[in-house]
């Protein structure tokens, strides 16, 4: 969706510049500058998105390890209780 929005904005801006009453060289320069600007913004947004996903994945991984550790501890406690019951 983000890619479509950025692409639409870039196409709209390019079309607006093409129909503007300026010299061709000025228009081409402006289109290049605008395209570069949109590309830079898109790359920045993608990097932010990627960083966000990585942070969430790391948090999920950490939470999973924590839950596994808790489960392992409870299993060991249960085994100890079973061994204690057997020894009686």
PDB file of N, CA and C in Angstrom:
ATOM      1  N   UNK A   1       0.833  -1.182   0.000  1.00  0.00           N
ATOM      2  CA  UNK A   1       0.000   0.000   0.000  1.00  0.00           C
ATOM      3  C   UNK A   1       0.878   1.245   0.000  1.00  0.00           C
ATOM      4  N   UNK A   2       1.925   1.227   0.823  1.00  0.00           N
ATOM      5  CA  UNK A   2       2.842   2.364   0.900  1.00  0.00           C
ATOM      6  C   UNK A   2       3.521   2.579  -0.451  1.00  0.00           C
ATOM      7  N   UNK A   3       3.909   1.502  -1.092  1.00  0.00           N
ATOM      8  CA  UNK A   3       4.569   1.609  -2.393  1.00  0.00           C
ATOM      9  C   UNK A   3       3.621   2.220  -3.420  1.00  0.00           C
ATOM     10  N   UNK A   4       2.365   1.792  -3.399  1.00  0.00           N
ATOM     11  CA  UNK A   4       1.374   2.336  -4.324  1.00  0.00           C
ATOM     12  C   UNK A   4       1.134   3.815  -4.098  1.00  0.00           C
ATOM     13  N   UNK A   5       1.074   4.200  -2.836  1.00  0.00           N
ATOM     14  CA  UNK A   5       0.864   5.604  -2.499  1.00  0.00           C
ATOM     15  C   UNK A   5       2.031   6.463  -2.984  1.00  0.00           C
ATOM     16  N   UNK A   6       3.238   6.005  -2.734  1.00  0.00           N
ATOM     17  CA  UNK A   6       4.426   6.756  -3.154  1.00  0.00           C
ATOM     18  C   UNK A   6       4.514   6.799  -4.678  1.00  0.00           C
ATOM     19  N   UNK A   7       4.230   5.674  -5.318  1.00  0.00           N
ATOM     20  CA  UNK A   7       4.271   5.635  -6.787  1.00  0.00           C
ATOM     21  C   UNK A   7       3.245   6.590  -7.379  1.00  0.00           C
ATOM     22  N   UNK A   8       2.045   6.590  -6.831  1.00  0.00           N
ATOM     23  CA  UNK A   8       0.997   7.485  -7.312  1.00  0.00           C
ATOM     24  C   UNK A   8       1.375   8.942  -7.156  1.00  0.00           C
ATOM     25  N   UNK A   9       1.961   9.261  -6.013  1.00  0.00           N
ATOM     26  CA  UNK A   9       2.391  10.640  -5.775  1.00  0.00           C
ATOM     27  C   UNK A   9       3.489  11.041  -6.756  1.00  0.00           C
ATOM     28  N   UNK A  10       4.423  10.137  -7.003  1.00  0.00           N
ATOM     29  CA  UNK A  10       5.524  10.427  -7.928  1.00  0.00           C
ATOM     30  C   UNK A  10       5.000  10.612  -9.352  1.00  0.00           C
ATOM     31  N   UNK A  11       4.092   9.757  -9.760  1.00  0.00           N
ATOM     32  CA  UNK A  11       3.526   9.877 -11.114  1.00  0.00           C
ATOM     33  C   UNK A  11       2.742  11.175 -11.246  1.00  0.00           C
ATOM     34  N   UNK A  12       1.949  11.507 -10.226  1.00  0.00           N
ATOM     35  CA  UNK A  12       1.187  12.750 -10.249  1.00  0.00           C
ATOM     36  C   UNK A  12       2.092  13.963 -10.317  1.00  0.00           C
ATOM     37  N   UNK A  13       3.143  13.944  -9.545  1.00  0.00           N
ATOM     38  CA  UNK A  13       4.088  15.065  -9.562  1.00  0.00           C
ATOM     39  C   UNK A  13       4.779  15.174 -10.919  1.00  0.00           C
ATOM     40  N   UNK A  14       5.167  14.036 -11.479  1.00  0.00           N
ATOM     41  CA  UNK A  14       5.837  14.042 -12.783  1.00  0.00           C
ATOM     42  C   UNK A  14       4.897  14.577 -13.869  1.00  0.00           C
ATOM     43  N   UNK A  15       3.649  14.142 -13.846  1.00  0.00           N
ATOM     44  CA  UNK A  15       2.684  14.628 -14.838  1.00  0.00           C
ATOM     45  C   UNK A  15       2.434  16.126 -14.678  1.00  0.00           C
ATOM     46  N   UNK A  16       2.348  16.571 -13.443  1.00  0.00           N
ATOM     47  CA  UNK A  16       2.165  17.997 -13.190  1.00  0.00           C
ATOM     48  C   UNK A  16       3.321  18.813 -13.737  1.00  0.00           C
ATOM     49  N   UNK A  17       4.509  18.290 -13.564  1.00  0.00           N
ATOM     50  CA  UNK A  17       5.689  18.992 -14.068  1.00  0.00           C
ATOM     51  C   UNK A  17       5.764  18.965 -15.597  1.00  0.00           C
ATOM     52  N   UNK A  18       5.325  17.869 -16.190  1.00  0.00           N
ATOM     53  CA  UNK A  18       5.370  17.767 -17.642  1.00  0.00           C
ATOM     54  C   UNK A  18       4.452  18.791 -18.315  1.00  0.00           C
ATOM     55  N   UNK A  19       3.339  19.081 -17.684  1.00  0.00           N
ATOM     56  CA  UNK A  19       2.386  20.018 -18.269  1.00  0.00           C
ATOM     57  C   UNK A  19       2.589  21.448 -17.789  1.00  0.00           C
ATOM     58  N   UNK A  20       3.616  21.675 -16.995  1.00  0.00           N
ATOM     59  CA  UNK A  20       3.921  23.025 -16.520  1.00  0.00           C
ATOM     60  C   UNK A  20       4.556  23.826 -17.655  1.00  0.00           C
ATOM     61  N   UNK A  21       4.292  25.132 -17.704  1.00  0.00           N
ATOM     62  CA  UNK A  21       4.837  25.965 -18.798  1.00  0.00           C
ATOM     63  C   UNK A  21       6.289  26.366 -18.549  1.00  0.00           C
ATOM     64  N   UNK A  22       7.191  25.392 -18.598  1.00  0.00           N
ATOM     65  CA  UNK A  22       8.619  25.657 -18.423  1.00  0.00           C
ATOM     66  C   UNK A  22       9.373  25.046 -19.583  1.00  0.00           C
ATOM     67  N   UNK A  23      10.636  25.394 -19.668  1.00  0.00           N
ATOM     68  CA  UNK A  23      11.504  24.812 -20.693  1.00  0.00           C
ATOM     69  C   UNK A  23      11.680  23.318 -20.403  1.00  0.00           C
ATOM     70  N   UNK A  24      11.920  22.550 -21.450  1.00  0.00           N
ATOM     71  CA  UNK A  24      12.100  21.106 -21.312  1.00  0.00           C
ATOM     72  C   UNK A  24      13.230  20.729 -20.380  1.00  0.00           C
ATOM     73  N   UNK A  25      14.343  21.424 -20.467  1.00  0.00           N
ATOM     74  CA  UNK A  25      15.493  21.099 -19.615  1.00  0.00           C
ATOM     75  C   UNK A  25      15.166  21.372 -18.150  1.00  0.00           C
ATOM     76  N   UNK A  26      14.450  22.451 -17.887  1.00  0.00           N
ATOM     77  CA  UNK A  26      14.058  22.755 -16.499  1.00  0.00           C
ATOM     78  C   UNK A  26      13.087  21.707 -15.978  1.00  0.00           C
ATOM     79  N   UNK A  27      12.157  21.319 -16.839  1.00  0.00           N
ATOM     80  CA  UNK A  27      11.165  20.314 -16.443  1.00  0.00           C
ATOM     81  C   UNK A  27      11.833  18.972 -16.162  1.00  0.00           C
ATOM     82  N   UNK A  28      12.743  18.558 -17.040  1.00  0.00           N
ATOM     83  CA  UNK A  28      13.439  17.289 -16.820  1.00  0.00           C
ATOM     84  C   UNK A  28      14.260  17.324 -15.535  1.00  0.00           C
ATOM     85  N   UNK A  29      14.910  18.446 -15.273  1.00  0.00           N
ATOM     86  CA  UNK A  29      15.691  18.594 -14.045  1.00  0.00           C
ATOM     87  C   UNK A  29      14.776  18.492 -12.833  1.00  0.00           C
ATOM     88  N   UNK A  30      13.636  19.149 -12.894  1.00  0.00           N
ATOM     89  CA  UNK A  30      12.690  19.122 -11.775  1.00  0.00           C
ATOM     90  C   UNK A  30      12.135  17.714 -11.561  1.00  0.00           C
ATOM     91  N   UNK A  31      11.839  17.008 -12.670  1.00  0.00           N
ATOM     92  CA  UNK A  31      11.351  15.627 -12.563  1.00  0.00           C
ATOM     93  C   UNK A  31      12.408  14.750 -11.904  1.00  0.00           C
ATOM     94  N   UNK A  32      13.655  14.909 -12.303  1.00  0.00           N
ATOM     95  CA  UNK A  32      14.749  14.129 -11.720  1.00  0.00           C
ATOM     96  C   UNK A  32      14.879  14.420 -10.230  1.00  0.00           C
ATOM     97  N   UNK A  33      14.842  15.689  -9.868  1.00  0.00           N
ATOM     98  CA  UNK A  33      14.953  16.066  -8.453  1.00  0.00           C
ATOM     99  C   UNK A  33      13.788  15.512  -7.642  1.00  0.00           C
ATOM    100  N   UNK A  34      12.591  15.639  -8.190  1.00  0.00           N
ATOM    101  CA  UNK A  34      11.411  15.132  -7.483  1.00  0.00           C
ATOM    102  C   UNK A  34      11.479  13.615  -7.349  1.00  0.00           C
ATOM    103  N   UNK A  35      11.858  12.931  -8.424  1.00  0.00           N
ATOM    104  CA  UNK A  35      11.990  11.473  -8.369  1.00  0.00           C
ATOM    105  C   UNK A  35      13.020  11.041  -7.346  1.00  0.00           C
ATOM    106  N   UNK A  36      14.152  11.727  -7.316  1.00  0.00           N
ATOM    107  CA  UNK A  36      15.191  11.407  -6.335  1.00  0.00           C
ATOM    108  C   UNK A  36      14.682  11.620  -4.905  1.00  0.00           C
ATOM    109  N   UNK A  37      13.926  12.701  -4.732  1.00  0.00           N
ATOM    110  CA  UNK A  37      13.376  13.000  -3.413  1.00  0.00           C
ATOM    111  C   UNK A  37      12.404  11.901  -2.959  1.00  0.00           C
ATOM    112  N   UNK A  38      11.512  11.488  -3.866  1.00  0.00           N
ATOM    113  CA  UNK A  38      10.562  10.428  -3.526  1.00  0.00           C
ATOM    114  C   UNK A  38      11.282   9.108  -3.271  1.00  0.00           C
ATOM    115  N   UNK A  39      12.299   8.827  -4.059  1.00  0.00           N
ATOM    116  CA  UNK A  39      13.057   7.595  -3.869  1.00  0.00           C
ATOM    117  C   UNK A  39      13.766   7.598  -2.519  1.00  0.00           C
ATOM    118  N   UNK A  40      14.361   8.730  -2.163  1.00  0.00           N
ATOM    119  CA  UNK A  40      15.043   8.857  -0.871  1.00  0.00           C
ATOM    120  C   UNK A  40      14.036   8.666   0.270  1.00  0.00           C
ATOM    121  N   UNK A  41      12.862   9.288   0.147  1.00  0.00           N
ATOM    122  CA  UNK A  41      11.828   9.136   1.175  1.00  0.00           C
ATOM    123  C   UNK A  41      11.367   7.689   1.286  1.00  0.00           C
ATOM    124  N   UNK A  42      11.176   7.040   0.135  1.00  0.00           N
ATOM    125  CA  UNK A  42      10.728   5.646   0.140  1.00  0.00           C
ATOM    126  C   UNK A  42      11.768   4.744   0.796  1.00  0.00           C
ATOM    127  N   UNK A  43      13.042   4.969   0.474  1.00  0.00           N
ATOM    128  CA  UNK A  43      14.103   4.170   1.098  1.00  0.00           C
ATOM    129  C   UNK A  43      14.125   4.377   2.602  1.00  0.00           C
ATOM    130  N   UNK A  44      13.944   5.630   3.038  1.00  0.00           N
ATOM    131  CA  UNK A  44      13.913   5.920   4.468  1.00  0.00           C
ATOM    132  C   UNK A  44      12.765   5.206   5.156  1.00  0.00           C
ATOM    133  N   UNK A  45      11.589   5.238   4.529  1.00  0.00           N
ATOM    134  CA  UNK A  45      10.421   4.566   5.111  1.00  0.00           C
ATOM    135  C   UNK A  45      10.633   3.064   5.159  1.00  0.00           C
ATOM    136  N   UNK A  46      11.233   2.500   4.116  1.00  0.00           N
ATOM    137  CA  UNK A  46      11.500   1.065   4.108  1.00  0.00           C
ATOM    138  C   UNK A  46      12.514   0.688   5.192  1.00  0.00           C
ATOM    139  N   UNK A  47      13.520   1.512   5.397  1.00  0.00           N
ATOM    140  CA  UNK A  47      14.495   1.254   6.459  1.00  0.00           C
ATOM    141  C   UNK A  47      13.827   1.328   7.826  1.00  0.00           C
ATOM    142  N   UNK A  48      12.960   2.312   8.034  1.00  0.00           N
ATOM    143  CA  UNK A  48      12.237   2.420   9.300  1.00  0.00           C
ATOM    144  C   UNK A  48      11.365   1.193   9.519  1.00  0.00           C
ATOM    145  N   UNK A  49      10.666   0.767   8.461  1.00  0.00           N
ATOM    146  CA  UNK A  49       9.811  -0.409   8.549  1.00  0.00           C
ATOM    147  C   UNK A  49      10.631  -1.652   8.871  1.00  0.00           C
ATOM    148  N   UNK A  50      11.754  -1.809   8.193  1.00  0.00           N
ATOM    149  CA  UNK A  50      12.631  -2.951   8.424  1.00  0.00           C
ATOM    150  C   UNK A  50      13.158  -2.960   9.860  1.00  0.00           C
ATOM    151  N   UNK A  51      13.587  -1.791  10.342  1.00  0.00           N
ATOM    152  CA  UNK A  51      14.074  -1.691  11.718  1.00  0.00           C
ATOM    153  C   UNK A  51      12.969  -2.053  12.706  1.00  0.00           C
ATOM    154  N   UNK A  52      11.758  -1.578  12.443  1.00  0.00           N
ATOM    155  CA  UNK A  52      10.622  -1.869  13.312  1.00  0.00           C
ATOM    156  C   UNK A  52      10.342  -3.369  13.356  1.00  0.00           C
ATOM    157  N   UNK A  53      10.366  -4.003  12.198  1.00  0.00           N
ATOM    158  CA  UNK A  53      10.121  -5.451  12.128  1.00  0.00           C
ATOM    159  C   UNK A  53      11.223  -6.202  12.871  1.00  0.00           C
ATOM    160  N   UNK A  54      12.472  -5.785  12.701  1.00  0.00           N
ATOM    161  CA  UNK A  54      13.585  -6.446  13.391  1.00  0.00           C
ATOM    162  C   UNK A  54      13.458  -6.303  14.904  1.00  0.00           C
ATOM    163  N   UNK A  55      13.074  -5.125  15.364  1.00  0.00           N
ATOM    164  CA  UNK A  55      12.897  -4.913  16.807  1.00  0.00           C
ATOM    165  C   UNK A  55      11.792  -5.812  17.349  1.00  0.00           C
ATOM    166  N   UNK A  56      10.692  -5.898  16.618  1.00  0.00           N
ATOM    167  CA  UNK A  56       9.574  -6.741  17.066  1.00  0.00           C
ATOM    168  C   UNK A  56       9.956  -8.211  17.047  1.00  0.00           C
ATOM    169  N   UNK A  57      10.719  -8.622  16.046  1.00  0.00           N
ATOM    170  CA  UNK A  57      11.163 -10.018  15.972  1.00  0.00           C
ATOM    171  C   UNK A  57      12.087 -10.354  17.141  1.00  0.00           C
ATOM    172  N   UNK A  58      12.989  -9.433  17.452  1.00  0.00           N
ATOM    173  CA  UNK A  58      13.895  -9.654  18.586  1.00  0.00           C
ATOM    174  C   UNK A  58      13.128  -9.727  19.901  1.00  0.00           C
ATOM    175  N   UNK A  59      12.133  -8.845  20.066  1.00  0.00           N
ATOM    176  CA  UNK A  59      11.317  -8.862  21.282  1.00  0.00           C
ATOM    177  C   UNK A  59      10.555 -10.178  21.389  1.00  0.00           C
ATOM    178  N   UNK A  60      10.014 -10.645  20.276  1.00  0.00           N
ATOM    179  CA  UNK A  60       9.277 -11.906  20.264  1.00  0.00           C
ATOM    180  C   UNK A  60      10.206 -13.074  20.573  1.00  0.00           C
ATOM    181  N   UNK A  61      11.396 -13.032  20.005  1.00  0.00           N
ATOM    182  CA  UNK A  61      12.391 -14.081  20.251  1.00  0.00           C
ATOM    183  C   UNK A  61      12.770 -14.114  21.729  1.00  0.00           C
ATOM    184  N   UNK A  62      12.989 -12.942  22.300  1.00  0.00           N
ATOM    185  CA  UNK A  62      13.337 -12.847  23.718  1.00  0.00           C
ATOM    186  C   UNK A  62      12.208 -13.377  24.596  1.00  0.00           C
ATOM    187  N   UNK A  63      10.981 -12.997  24.255  1.00  0.00           N
ATOM    188  CA  UNK A  63       9.822 -13.455  25.024  1.00  0.00           C
ATOM    189  C   UNK A  63       9.683 -14.969  24.918  1.00  0.00           C
ATOM    190  N   UNK A  64       9.937 -15.508  23.722  1.00  0.00           N
ATOM    191  CA  UNK A  64       9.872 -16.953  23.538  1.00  0.00           C
ATOM    192  C   UNK A  64      10.902 -17.675  24.387  1.00  0.00           C
ATOM    193  N   UNK A  65      12.120 -17.143  24.437  1.00  0.00           N
ATOM    194  CA  UNK A  65      13.165 -17.749  25.270  1.00  0.00           C
ATOM    195  C   UNK A  65      12.772 -17.693  26.744  1.00  0.00           C
ATOM    196  N   UNK A  66      12.204 -16.568  27.147  1.00  0.00           N
ATOM    197  CA  UNK A  66      11.778 -16.407  28.537  1.00  0.00           C
ATOM    198  C   UNK A  66      10.690 -17.424  28.884  1.00  0.00           C
ATOM    199  N   UNK A  67       9.706 -17.570  28.003  1.00  0.00           N
ATOM    200  CA  UNK A  67       8.625 -18.524  28.247  1.00  0.00           C
ATOM    201  C   UNK A  67       9.149 -19.954  28.248  1.00  0.00           C
ATOM    202  N   UNK A  68      10.085 -20.261  27.360  1.00  0.00           N
ATOM    203  CA  UNK A  68      10.671 -21.597  27.327  1.00  0.00           C
ATOM    204  C   UNK A  68      11.409 -21.883  28.625  1.00  0.00           C
ATOM    205  N   UNK A  69      12.127 -20.882  29.110  1.00  0.00           N
ATOM    206  CA  UNK A  69      12.869 -21.047  30.360  1.00  0.00           C
ATOM    207  C   UNK A  69      11.919 -21.307  31.523  1.00  0.00           C
ATOM    208  N   UNK A  70      10.819 -20.580  31.563  1.00  0.00           N
ATOM    209  CA  UNK A  70       9.817 -20.785  32.625  1.00  0.00           C
ATOM    210  C   UNK A  70       9.214 -22.179  32.532  1.00  0.00           C
ATOM    211  N   UNK A  71       8.899 -22.610  31.315  1.00  0.00           N
ATOM    212  CA  UNK A  71       8.310 -23.937  31.118  1.00  0.00           C
ATOM    213  C   UNK A  71       9.300 -25.020  31.528  1.00  0.00           C
ATOM    214  N   UNK A  72      10.557 -24.828  31.164  1.00  0.00           N
ATOM    215  CA  UNK A  72      11.582 -25.798  31.515  1.00  0.00           C
ATOM    216  C   UNK A  72      11.733 -25.898  33.035  1.00  0.00           C
ATOM    217  N   UNK A  73      11.659 -24.775  33.701  1.00  0.00           N
ATOM    218  CA  UNK A  73      11.763 -24.751  35.165  1.00  0.00           C
ATOM    219  C   UNK A  73      10.595 -25.510  35.796  1.00  0.00           C
ATOM    220  N   UNK A  74       9.388 -25.299  35.271  1.00  0.00           N
ATOM    221  CA  UNK A  74       8.213 -25.995  35.809  1.00  0.00           C
ATOM    222  C   UNK A  74       8.299 -27.497  35.546  1.00  0.00           C
ATOM    223  N   UNK A  75       8.820 -27.877  34.400  1.00  0.00           N
ATOM    224  CA  UNK A  75       8.986 -29.296  34.085  1.00  0.00           C
ATOM    225  C   UNK A  75       9.964 -29.933  35.062  1.00  0.00           C
ATOM    226  N   UNK A  76      11.060 -29.252  35.325  1.00  0.00           N
ATOM    227  CA  UNK A  76      12.048 -29.776  36.277  1.00  0.00           C
ATOM    228  C   UNK A  76      11.463 -29.892  37.678  1.00  0.00           C
ATOM    229  N   UNK A  77      10.633 -28.923  38.076  1.00  0.00           N
ATOM    230  CA  UNK A  77       9.981 -28.992  39.385  1.00  0.00           C
ATOM    231  C   UNK A  77       9.022 -30.179  39.440  1.00  0.00           C
ATOM    232  N   UNK A  78       8.288 -30.390  38.373  1.00  0.00           N
ATOM    233  CA  UNK A  78       7.348 -31.510  38.316  1.00  0.00           C
ATOM    234  C   UNK A  78       8.101 -32.836  38.387  1.00  0.00           C
ATOM    235  N   UNK A  79       9.227 -32.939  37.680  1.00  0.00           N
ATOM    236  CA  UNK A  79      10.033 -34.156  37.725  1.00  0.00           C
ATOM    237  C   UNK A  79      10.549 -34.410  39.141  1.00  0.00           C
ATOM    238  N   UNK A  80      10.967 -33.340  39.803  1.00  0.00           N
ATOM    239  CA  UNK A  80      11.469 -33.479  41.173  1.00  0.00           C
ATOM    240  C   UNK A  80      10.351 -33.956  42.093  1.00  0.00           C
ATOM    241  N   UNK A  81       9.161 -33.418  41.924  1.00  0.00           N
ATOM    242  CA  UNK A  81       8.024 -33.844  42.750  1.00  0.00           C
ATOM    243  C   UNK A  81       7.670 -35.305  42.478  1.00  0.00           C
ATOM    244  N   UNK A  82       7.730 -35.717  41.226  1.00  0.00           N
ATOM    245  CA  UNK A  82       7.435 -37.117  40.878  1.00  0.00           C
ATOM    246  C   UNK A  82       8.474 -38.032  41.500  1.00  0.00           C
ATOM    247  N   UNK A  83       9.740 -37.653  41.413  1.00  0.00           N
ATOM    248  CA  UNK A  83      10.804 -38.480  42.018  1.00  0.00           C
ATOM    249  C   UNK A  83      10.650 -38.534  43.533  1.00  0.00           C
ATOM    250  N   UNK A  84      10.234 -37.450  44.147  1.00  0.00           N
ATOM    251  CA  UNK A  84      10.015 -37.428  45.592  1.00  0.00           C
ATOM    252  C   UNK A  84       8.867 -38.336  45.966  1.00  0.00           C
ATOM    253  N   UNK A  85       7.807 -38.329  45.158  1.00  0.00           N
ATOM    254  CA  UNK A  85       6.659 -39.202  45.444  1.00  0.00           C
ATOM    255  C   UNK A  85       7.028 -40.661  45.291  1.00  0.00           C
ATOM    256  N   UNK A  86       7.876 -40.969  44.317  1.00  0.00           N
ATOM    257  CA  UNK A  86       8.297 -42.354  44.085  1.00  0.00           C
ATOM    258  C   UNK A  86       9.161 -42.852  45.240  1.00  0.00           C
ATOM    259  N   UNK A  87       9.944 -41.993  45.821  1.00  0.00           N
ATOM    260  CA  UNK A  87      10.855 -42.406  46.878  1.00  0.00           C
ATOM    261  C   UNK A  87      10.152 -42.633  48.205  1.00  0.00           C
ATOM    262  N   UNK A  88       8.948 -42.255  48.354  1.00  0.00           N
ATOM    263  CA  UNK A  88       8.214 -42.442  49.632  1.00  0.00           C
ATOM    264  C   UNK A  88       7.791 -43.838  49.814  1.00  0.00           C
TER     265      UNK A  88
END
